[in-house]
C-alpha atoms as a PDB file:
ATOM      1  CA  UNK A   1      39.002 -38.859  26.659  1.00  0.00           C
ATOM      2  CA  UNK A   2      39.964 -35.565  28.678  1.00  0.00           C
ATOM      3  CA  UNK A   3      37.819 -34.792  31.410  1.00  0.00           C
ATOM      4  CA  UNK A   4      37.888 -38.315  32.854  1.00  0.00           C
ATOM      5  CA  UNK A   5      40.997 -40.740  31.874  1.00  0.00           C
ATOM      6  CA  UNK A   6      39.076 -44.548  30.173  1.00  0.00           C
ATOM      7  CA  UNK A   7      41.972 -45.698  33.012  1.00  0.00           C
ATOM      8  CA  UNK A   8      39.805 -43.847  35.712  1.00  0.00           C
ATOM      9  CA  UNK A   9      36.397 -45.750  34.680  1.00  0.00           C
ATOM     10  CA  UNK A  10      34.853 -48.843  36.653  1.00  0.00           C
ATOM     11  CA  UNK A  11      36.102 -51.970  34.300  1.00  0.00           C
ATOM     12  CA  UNK A  12      32.928 -52.215  32.758  1.00  0.00           C
ATOM     13  CA  UNK A  13      32.492 -49.131  31.390  1.00  0.00           C
ATOM     14  CA  UNK A  14      36.017 -49.150  30.483  1.00  0.00           C
ATOM     15  CA  UNK A  15      34.663 -52.370  27.921  1.00  0.00           C
ATOM     16  CA  UNK A  16      31.905 -50.442  27.245  1.00  0.00           C
ATOM     17  CA  UNK A  17      33.852 -47.963  26.020  1.00  0.00           C
ATOM     18  CA  UNK A  18      36.572 -50.391  24.064  1.00  0.00           C
ATOM     19  CA  UNK A  19      33.215 -51.887  22.253  1.00  0.00           C
ATOM     20  CA  UNK A  20      32.150 -48.258  21.487  1.00  0.00           C
ATOM     21  CA  UNK A  21      35.459 -47.158  19.830  1.00  0.00           C
ATOM     22  CA  UNK A  22      35.935 -50.216  18.182  1.00  0.00           C
ATOM     23  CA  UNK A  23      32.595 -50.225  16.110  1.00  0.00           C
ATOM     24  CA  UNK A  24      32.974 -46.058  15.510  1.00  0.00           C
ATOM     25  CA  UNK A  25      36.769 -47.260  13.772  1.00  0.00           C
ATOM     26  CA  UNK A  26      35.740 -49.980  12.127  1.00  0.00           C
ATOM     27  CA  UNK A  27      32.901 -47.776  10.252  1.00  0.00           C
ATOM     28  CA  UNK A  28      34.979 -45.040   9.620  1.00  0.00           C
ATOM     29  CA  UNK A  29      37.106 -47.329   7.885  1.00  0.00           C
ATOM     30  CA  UNK A  30      35.074 -49.870   6.122  1.00  0.00           C
ATOM     31  CA  UNK A  31      32.959 -47.038   4.787  1.00  0.00           C
ATOM     32  CA  UNK A  32      36.293 -45.434   3.141  1.00  0.00           C
ATOM     33  CA  UNK A  33      37.296 -48.251   1.779  1.00  0.00           C
ATOM     34  CA  UNK A  34      34.191 -49.976   0.298  1.00  0.00           C
ATOM     35  CA  UNK A  35      32.141 -47.395   0.791  1.00  0.00           C
ATOM     36  CA  UNK A  36      29.071 -46.859   2.923  1.00  0.00           C
ATOM     37  CA  UNK A  37      26.137 -48.611   0.990  1.00  0.00           C
ATOM     38  CA  UNK A  38      28.953 -51.240   0.208  1.00  0.00           C
ATOM     39  CA  UNK A  39      29.315 -51.765   3.994  1.00  0.00           C
ATOM     40  CA  UNK A  40      26.412 -53.694   6.564  1.00  0.00           C
ATOM     41  CA  UNK A  41      25.977 -53.835   9.152  1.00  0.00           C
ATOM     42  CA  UNK A  42      26.333 -57.057   9.488  1.00  0.00           C
ATOM     43  CA  UNK A  43      29.719 -56.543   7.973  1.00  0.00           C
ATOM     44  CA  UNK A  44      30.821 -54.698  10.640  1.00  0.00           C
ATOM     45  CA  UNK A  45      29.597 -56.301  13.416  1.00  0.00           C
ATOM     46  CA  UNK A  46      31.368 -59.559  12.242  1.00  0.00           C
ATOM     47  CA  UNK A  47      34.698 -57.840  11.979  1.00  0.00           C
ATOM     48  CA  UNK A  48      34.100 -56.143  15.984  1.00  0.00           C
ATOM     49  CA  UNK A  49      32.541 -59.404  17.159  1.00  0.00           C
ATOM     50  CA  UNK A  50      29.508 -58.503  18.473  1.00  0.00           C
ATOM     51  CA  UNK A  51      26.087 -58.916  17.356  1.00  0.00           C
ATOM     52  CA  UNK A  52      23.323 -56.476  16.278  1.00  0.00           C
ATOM     53  CA  UNK A  53      21.836 -56.426  19.189  1.00  0.00           C
ATOM     54  CA  UNK A  54      24.979 -55.375  21.058  1.00  0.00           C
ATOM     55  CA  UNK A  55      25.525 -52.791  17.904  1.00  0.00           C
ATOM     56  CA  UNK A  56      22.083 -50.919  18.715  1.00  0.00           C
ATOM     57  CA  UNK A  57      22.846 -50.640  21.930  1.00  0.00           C
ATOM     58  CA  UNK A  58      25.069 -47.985  21.012  1.00  0.00           C
ATOM     59  CA  UNK A  59      24.061 -46.936  18.035  1.00  0.00           C
ATOM     60  CA  UNK A  60      20.603 -46.341  16.085  1.00  0.00           C
ATOM     61  CA  UNK A  61      21.663 -46.830  12.393  1.00  0.00           C
ATOM     62  CA  UNK A  62      25.329 -46.923   9.825  1.00  0.00           C
ATOM     63  CA  UNK A  63      24.726 -43.051   9.991  1.00  0.00           C
ATOM     64  CA  UNK A  64      24.437 -42.468  13.763  1.00  0.00           C
ATOM     65  CA  UNK A  65      28.098 -44.743  13.810  1.00  0.00           C
ATOM     66  CA  UNK A  66      29.534 -43.033  11.317  1.00  0.00           C
ATOM     67  CA  UNK A  67      28.796 -39.505  12.539  1.00  0.00           C
ATOM     68  CA  UNK A  68      29.668 -40.271  16.759  1.00  0.00           C
ATOM     69  CA  UNK A  69      33.021 -37.876  16.371  1.00  0.00           C
ATOM     70  CA  UNK A  70      31.114 -34.660  15.794  1.00  0.00           C
ATOM     71  CA  UNK A  71      27.562 -35.890  17.741  1.00  0.00           C
ATOM     72  CA  UNK A  72      30.076 -36.752  20.341  1.00  0.00           C
ATOM     73  CA  UNK A  73      31.052 -32.767  20.439  1.00  0.00           C
ATOM     74  CA  UNK A  74      28.015 -31.515  20.359  1.00  0.00           C
ATOM     75  CA  UNK A  75      26.446 -34.082  23.566  1.00  0.00           C
ATOM     76  CA  UNK A  76      29.405 -32.718  25.755  1.00  0.00           C
ATOM     77  CA  UNK A  77      28.800 -29.344  23.959  1.00  0.00           C
ATOM     78  CA  UNK A  78      25.349 -29.345  26.159  1.00  0.00           C
ATOM     79  CA  UNK A  79      26.599 -31.006  29.786  1.00  0.00           C
ATOM     80  CA  UNK A  80      29.397 -27.718  28.773  1.00  0.00           C
ATOM     81  CA  UNK A  81      26.642 -25.354  28.327  1.00  0.00           C
ATOM     82  CA  UNK A  82      24.956 -26.236  31.057  1.00  0.00           C
ATOM     83  CA  UNK A  83      27.772 -25.532  33.224  1.00  0.00           C
ATOM     84  CA  UNK A  84      28.695 -22.779  32.051  1.00  0.00           C
ATOM     85  CA  UNK A  85      28.193 -19.192  33.523  1.00  0.00           C
ATOM     86  CA  UNK A  86      29.090 -16.231  31.145  1.00  0.00           C
ATOM     87  CA  UNK A  87      31.693 -13.803  32.106  1.00  0.00           C
ATOM     88  CA  UNK A  88      30.599  -9.816  32.582  1.00  0.00           C
ATOM     89  CA  UNK A  89      29.562  -8.435  29.932  1.00  0.00           C
ATOM     90  CA  UNK A  90      29.355 -11.287  27.251  1.00  0.00           C
ATOM     91  CA  UNK A  91      27.161 -11.895  24.415  1.00  0.00           C
ATOM     92  CA  UNK A  92      24.804 -14.705  23.905  1.00  0.00           C
ATOM     93  CA  UNK A  93      27.426 -15.438  21.125  1.00  0.00           C
ATOM     94  CA  UNK A  94      30.336 -14.683  22.597  1.00  0.00           C
ATOM     95  CA  UNK A  95      29.729 -17.306  25.919  1.00  0.00           C
ATOM     96  CA  UNK A  96      28.527 -19.816  22.751  1.00  0.00           C
ATOM     97  CA  UNK A  97      31.912 -19.790  21.220  1.00  0.00           C
ATOM     98  CA  UNK A  98      33.302 -20.203  24.202  1.00  0.00           C
ATOM     99  CA  UNK A  99      31.441 -22.869  25.375  1.00  0.00           C
ATOM    100  CA  UNK A 100      32.442 -24.714  22.059  1.00  0.00           C
ATOM    101  CA  UNK A 101      36.061 -24.386  22.040  1.00  0.00           C
ATOM    102  CA  UNK A 102      36.356 -25.744  25.565  1.00  0.00           C
ATOM    103  CA  UNK A 103      33.905 -28.234  24.772  1.00  0.00           C
ATOM    104  CA  UNK A 104      36.904 -29.035  21.794  1.00  0.00           C
ATOM    105  CA  UNK A 105      39.783 -28.830  24.115  1.00  0.00           C
ATOM    106  CA  UNK A 106      38.227 -31.324  25.829  1.00  0.00           C
ATOM    107  CA  UNK A 107      37.425 -34.168  23.251  1.00  0.00           C
ATOM    108  CA  UNK A 108      40.234 -36.924  23.039  1.00  0.00           C
ATOM    109  CA  UNK A 109      43.208 -35.296  21.090  1.00  0.00           C
ATOM    110  CA  UNK A 110      44.843 -36.597  17.946  1.00  0.00           C
ATOM    111  CA  UNK A 111      42.729 -39.656  17.780  1.00  0.00           C
ATOM    112  CA  UNK A 112      39.022 -38.008  18.125  1.00  0.00           C
ATOM    113  CA  UNK A 113      40.795 -34.899  15.238  1.00  0.00           C
ATOM    114  CA  UNK A 114      41.343 -38.065  12.584  1.00  0.00           C
ATOM    115  CA  UNK A 115      37.873 -39.529  13.300  1.00  0.00           C
ATOM    116  CA  UNK A 116      36.330 -36.301  13.004  1.00  0.00           C
ATOM    117  CA  UNK A 117      38.076 -35.675   9.757  1.00  0.00           C
ATOM    118  CA  UNK A 118      36.824 -38.958   8.253  1.00  0.00           C
ATOM    119  CA  UNK A 119      33.690 -39.173   9.701  1.00  0.00           C
ATOM    120  CA  UNK A 120      32.940 -35.122   7.742  1.00  0.00           C
ATOM    121  CA  UNK A 121      34.290 -36.116   4.537  1.00  0.00           C
ATOM    122  CA  UNK A 122      32.022 -39.159   4.678  1.00  0.00           C
ATOM    123  CA  UNK A 123      29.210 -36.714   5.195  1.00  0.00           C
ATOM    124  CA  UNK A 124      29.904 -34.633   2.307  1.00  0.00           C
ATOM    125  CA  UNK A 125      29.195 -37.551   0.273  1.00  0.00           C
ATOM    126  CA  UNK A 126      26.862 -39.856   1.618  1.00  0.00           C
ATOM    127  CA  UNK A 127      23.242 -37.792   1.615  1.00  0.00           C
ATOM    128  CA  UNK A 128      21.803 -39.931   4.156  1.00  0.00           C
ATOM    129  CA  UNK A 129      24.876 -39.491   6.793  1.00  0.00           C
ATOM    130  CA  UNK A 130      23.679 -35.820   5.893  1.00  0.00           C
ATOM    131  CA  UNK A 131      20.527 -36.091   6.649  1.00  0.00           C
ATOM    132  CA  UNK A 132      20.938 -38.129  10.299  1.00  0.00           C
ATOM    133  CA  UNK A 133      23.349 -34.833  11.335  1.00  0.00           C
ATOM    134  CA  UNK A 134      20.628 -32.708  10.093  1.00  0.00           C
ATOM    135  CA  UNK A 135      17.973 -33.982  12.386  1.00  0.00           C
ATOM    136  CA  UNK A 136      20.947 -34.429  15.060  1.00  0.00           C
ATOM    137  CA  UNK A 137      21.622 -30.725  14.634  1.00  0.00           C
ATOM    138  CA  UNK A 138      18.386 -30.206  15.393  1.00  0.00           C
ATOM    139  CA  UNK A 139      17.604 -31.876  18.101  1.00  0.00           C
ATOM    140  CA  UNK A 140      20.775 -30.407  19.706  1.00  0.00           C
ATOM    141  CA  UNK A 141      19.620 -26.716  19.085  1.00  0.00           C
ATOM    142  CA  UNK A 142      16.466 -27.174  20.865  1.00  0.00           C
ATOM    143  CA  UNK A 143      18.025 -29.450  23.776  1.00  0.00           C
ATOM    144  CA  UNK A 144      20.423 -25.723  23.820  1.00  0.00           C
ATOM    145  CA  UNK A 145      17.678 -23.926  23.772  1.00  0.00           C
ATOM    146  CA  UNK A 146      15.879 -25.295  26.793  1.00  0.00           C
ATOM    147  CA  UNK A 147      18.991 -25.373  28.634  1.00  0.00           C
ATOM    148  CA  UNK A 148      19.408 -21.294  27.400  1.00  0.00           C
ATOM    149  CA  UNK A 149      15.882 -20.272  28.869  1.00  0.00           C
ATOM    150  CA  UNK A 150      16.042 -22.330  31.942  1.00  0.00           C
ATOM    151  CA  UNK A 151      19.471 -20.292  32.647  1.00  0.00           C
ATOM    152  CA  UNK A 152      18.735 -16.770  31.626  1.00  0.00           C
ATOM    153  CA  UNK A 153      14.980 -16.650  31.087  1.00  0.00           C
ATOM    154  CA  UNK A 154      15.354 -16.366  27.615  1.00  0.00           C
ATOM    155  CA  UNK A 155      11.405 -16.421  26.232  1.00  0.00           C
ATOM    156  CA  UNK A 156      10.283 -19.687  24.896  1.00  0.00           C
ATOM    157  CA  UNK A 157       9.688 -18.559  20.943  1.00  0.00           C
ATOM    158  CA  UNK A 158      13.037 -15.588  21.482  1.00  0.00           C
ATOM    159  CA  UNK A 159      13.739 -15.607  17.864  1.00  0.00           C
ATOM    160  CA  UNK A 160      17.279 -14.165  18.978  1.00  0.00           C
ATOM    161  CA  UNK A 161      17.840 -17.137  20.613  1.00  0.00           C
ATOM    162  CA  UNK A 162      17.221 -19.505  17.496  1.00  0.00           C
ATOM    163  CA  UNK A 163      19.469 -17.372  15.420  1.00  0.00           C
ATOM    164  CA  UNK A 164      22.319 -17.022  17.632  1.00  0.00           C
ATOM    165  CA  UNK A 165      22.226 -20.707  17.804  1.00  0.00           C
ATOM    166  CA  UNK A 166      21.882 -20.787  13.550  1.00  0.00           C
ATOM    167  CA  UNK A 167      25.088 -18.554  13.651  1.00  0.00           C
ATOM    168  CA  UNK A 168      26.812 -21.126  15.870  1.00  0.00           C
ATOM    169  CA  UNK A 169      26.186 -24.423  14.030  1.00  0.00           C
ATOM    170  CA  UNK A 170      26.751 -22.351  10.544  1.00  0.00           C
ATOM    171  CA  UNK A 171      30.127 -21.132  11.775  1.00  0.00           C
ATOM    172  CA  UNK A 172      31.321 -24.242  13.348  1.00  0.00           C
ATOM    173  CA  UNK A 173      30.313 -26.154   9.584  1.00  0.00           C
ATOM    174  CA  UNK A 174      32.115 -23.561   7.998  1.00  0.00           C
ATOM    175  CA  UNK A 175      35.296 -24.198   9.845  1.00  0.00           C
ATOM    176  CA  UNK A 176      34.471 -27.817   9.714  1.00  0.00           C
ATOM    177  CA  UNK A 177      34.882 -27.477   5.633  1.00  0.00           C
ATOM    178  CA  UNK A 178      38.035 -25.041   6.055  1.00  0.00           C
ATOM    179  CA  UNK A 179      39.372 -27.491   8.365  1.00  0.00           C
ATOM    180  CA  UNK A 180      38.589 -30.851   6.288  1.00  0.00           C
ATOM    181  CA  UNK A 181      40.080 -29.152   3.324  1.00  0.00           C
ATOM    182  CA  UNK A 182      43.429 -28.661   4.567  1.00  0.00           C
ATOM    183  CA  UNK A 183      46.093 -30.755   3.253  1.00  0.00           C
ATOM    184  CA  UNK A 184      48.008 -32.878   5.686  1.00  0.00           C
ATOM    185  CA  UNK A 185      47.405 -34.422   9.234  1.00  0.00           C
ATOM    186  CA  UNK A 186      44.788 -32.703  11.123  1.00  0.00           C
ATOM    187  CA  UNK A 187      44.803 -31.791  14.642  1.00  0.00           C
ATOM    188  CA  UNK A 188      42.182 -30.642  17.724  1.00  0.00           C
ATOM    189  CA  UNK A 189      44.255 -27.379  17.262  1.00  0.00           C
ATOM    190  CA  UNK A 190      44.092 -26.398  14.006  1.00  0.00           C
ATOM    191  CA  UNK A 191      40.173 -26.911  13.854  1.00  0.00           C
ATOM    192  CA  UNK A 192      39.603 -24.974  17.062  1.00  0.00           C
ATOM    193  CA  UNK A 193      41.668 -22.059  14.600  1.00  0.00           C
ATOM    194  CA  UNK A 194      39.099 -22.747  12.177  1.00  0.00           C
ATOM    195  CA  UNK A 195      36.550 -21.984  14.442  1.00  0.00           C
ATOM    196  CA  UNK A 196      37.778 -19.193  15.763  1.00  0.00           C
ATOM    197  CA  UNK A 197      38.696 -17.651  12.235  1.00  0.00           C
ATOM    198  CA  UNK A 198      34.737 -18.922  11.254  1.00  0.00           C
ATOM    199  CA  UNK A 199      33.433 -16.777  14.510  1.00  0.00           C
ATOM    200  CA  UNK A 200      35.393 -13.765  13.538  1.00  0.00           C
ATOM    201  CA  UNK A 201      33.942 -13.653  10.330  1.00  0.00           C
ATOM    202  CA  UNK A 202      30.464 -13.570  11.727  1.00  0.00           C
ATOM    203  CA  UNK A 203      29.750  -9.604  12.133  1.00  0.00           C
ATOM    204  CA  UNK A 204      31.363  -8.841   9.001  1.00  0.00           C
ATOM    205  CA  UNK A 205      28.925 -11.239   7.280  1.00  0.00           C
ATOM    206  CA  UNK A 206      25.541 -10.390   8.702  1.00  0.00           C
ATOM    207  CA  UNK A 207      26.669  -6.735   7.468  1.00  0.00           C
ATOM    208  CA  UNK A 208      28.080  -7.508   4.269  1.00  0.00           C
ATOM    209  CA  UNK A 209      26.908  -4.920   1.534  1.00  0.00           C
ATOM    210  CA  UNK A 210      26.580  -5.699  -1.964  1.00  0.00           C
ATOM    211  CA  UNK A 211      29.064  -4.204  -4.689  1.00  0.00           C
END
């Protein structure tokens, strides 16, 4: 982790982090090699040598562990959004873009990028993962709306805020698709480049005229 290295954490927290990461790595590998449906929780727990009870301390389901890389990104995004203050004259969309890019820069480098790519590719062909991701996305959007209302005084049902957040999510998903479609090794910096490209396309997309 970039904001606080694992070595700086207390021993108990380091052990918990290692267990969680082992579950994520094992799940992504086995889901890819053997199939999402064919791999059971018993299989995962047996390989990592933890009980199901321990598994459920970290994750709610197979879908949850498989989507951990992007879930971790958006959880960190909310923390960054809560702490961030806009530059003078900055639009809400610019604030959200800058927050997402700052969060992405803090994810743990190449290891996270590889896990995120595997997770995204699995989600693209696994309906239950996609459904779980949509639910998580909705919760994250609502949490972001609450933060923005608290800091900037937006009305509870201000549709503009929801639409801007929807643009953020759409831009990220578009960037993720472009990124995972690239040949060869994928990096965090390459994903950030795709995110910038996606955001740059937003103004033209909302004014796109038909031929």
